[in-house]
């Protein structure tokens, strides 16, 4: 599971993440509409806060590789939010 930051301010949490030469693919993805953190995005590595707001799940999200700003792994507790 990863959090994926994309150009233009979109932030996703996803169950699976893969990259090819031209595209990145996320499965079981949810856009993080509101971080709900007091200490930045990295705070979500251990799970969402009570104030975190997630959009409905998108089964597959594909974006051009050059749009990925950065990614980071997240704790297993996120699995409960990606069903």
Protein backbone atom coordinates (compact mmCIF):
# COMPACT_ATOMS: atom_id res chain seq x y z
CA UNK A 1 0.00 0.00 0.00
CA UNK A 2 1.21 3.46 -0.87
CA UNK A 3 0.31 7.09 -0.80
CA UNK A 4 0.91 8.57 -4.24
CA UNK A 5 1.20 12.32 -4.82
CA UNK A 6 0.39 13.48 -8.35
CA UNK A 7 0.89 16.87 -9.99
CA UNK A 8 -1.93 19.38 -9.49
CA UNK A 9 -2.39 18.41 -5.85
CA UNK A 10 -4.04 15.00 -6.13
CA UNK A 11 -3.09 12.55 -3.37
CA UNK A 12 -4.18 8.90 -3.51
CA UNK A 13 -3.87 5.97 -1.16
CA UNK A 14 -3.89 2.65 -2.99
CA UNK A 15 -3.76 -1.06 -2.33
CA UNK A 16 -1.33 -1.81 -5.15
CA UNK A 17 1.00 0.40 -7.16
CA UNK A 18 2.97 -0.47 -10.28
CA UNK A 19 4.98 1.52 -12.77
CA UNK A 20 5.93 1.01 -16.39
CA UNK A 21 8.03 3.21 -18.62
CA UNK A 22 5.09 5.49 -19.41
CA UNK A 23 2.35 4.94 -16.81
CA UNK A 24 1.77 4.32 -13.14
CA UNK A 25 -1.22 2.17 -12.15
CA UNK A 26 -3.00 2.17 -8.79
CA UNK A 27 -5.63 -0.38 -7.78
CA UNK A 28 -8.18 -0.04 -5.00
CA UNK A 29 -7.36 3.67 -4.93
CA UNK A 30 -9.05 6.41 -2.95
CA UNK A 31 -8.33 10.09 -3.37
CA UNK A 32 -7.47 11.75 -0.06
CA UNK A 33 -9.68 14.84 -0.24
CA UNK A 34 -8.68 16.19 3.19
CA UNK A 35 -5.50 15.06 4.94
CA UNK A 36 -6.78 15.94 8.41
CA UNK A 37 -3.25 16.09 9.78
CA UNK A 38 -1.50 18.47 12.14
CA UNK A 39 2.00 17.45 11.07
CA UNK A 40 1.91 17.17 7.27
CA UNK A 41 1.20 14.41 4.80
CA UNK A 42 3.80 12.04 6.25
CA UNK A 43 1.60 11.69 9.34
CA UNK A 44 -0.73 9.52 7.24
CA UNK A 45 1.95 6.81 6.86
CA UNK A 46 0.59 5.16 10.01
CA UNK A 47 -3.07 5.51 9.00
CA UNK A 48 -5.77 8.13 8.52
CA UNK A 49 -6.67 10.58 11.26
CA UNK A 50 -10.22 11.16 12.50
CA UNK A 51 -10.32 14.23 10.24
CA UNK A 52 -9.03 12.50 7.08
CA UNK A 53 -11.64 12.51 4.29
CA UNK A 54 -11.46 9.92 1.50
CA UNK A 55 -13.38 9.88 -1.78
CA UNK A 56 -15.10 6.69 -2.91
CA UNK A 57 -12.86 3.91 -4.16
CA UNK A 58 -11.73 3.88 -7.79
CA UNK A 59 -10.91 0.32 -8.89
CA UNK A 60 -8.06 1.31 -11.25
CA UNK A 61 -6.32 4.66 -11.68
CA UNK A 62 -3.72 5.10 -14.41
CA UNK A 63 -1.62 8.26 -14.72
CA UNK A 64 1.31 9.26 -16.91
CA UNK A 65 4.58 8.39 -15.18
CA UNK A 66 5.85 11.97 -15.38
CA UNK A 67 2.88 13.17 -13.27
CA UNK A 68 4.05 11.26 -10.16
CA UNK A 69 5.68 13.66 -7.69
CA UNK A 70 6.51 11.07 -5.00
CA UNK A 71 5.22 7.96 -3.23
CA UNK A 72 5.65 6.44 0.20
CA UNK A 73 4.64 3.18 1.84
CA UNK A 74 1.86 3.19 4.40
CA UNK A 75 0.91 0.92 7.30
CA UNK A 76 -1.40 -2.04 6.95
CA UNK A 77 -4.16 -0.23 8.86
CA UNK A 78 -5.01 1.47 5.54
CA UNK A 79 -6.29 -1.90 4.23
CA UNK A 80 -9.48 -1.38 6.26
CA UNK A 81 -10.16 1.78 4.23
CA UNK A 82 -9.47 0.26 0.81
CA UNK A 83 -12.13 -2.47 0.79
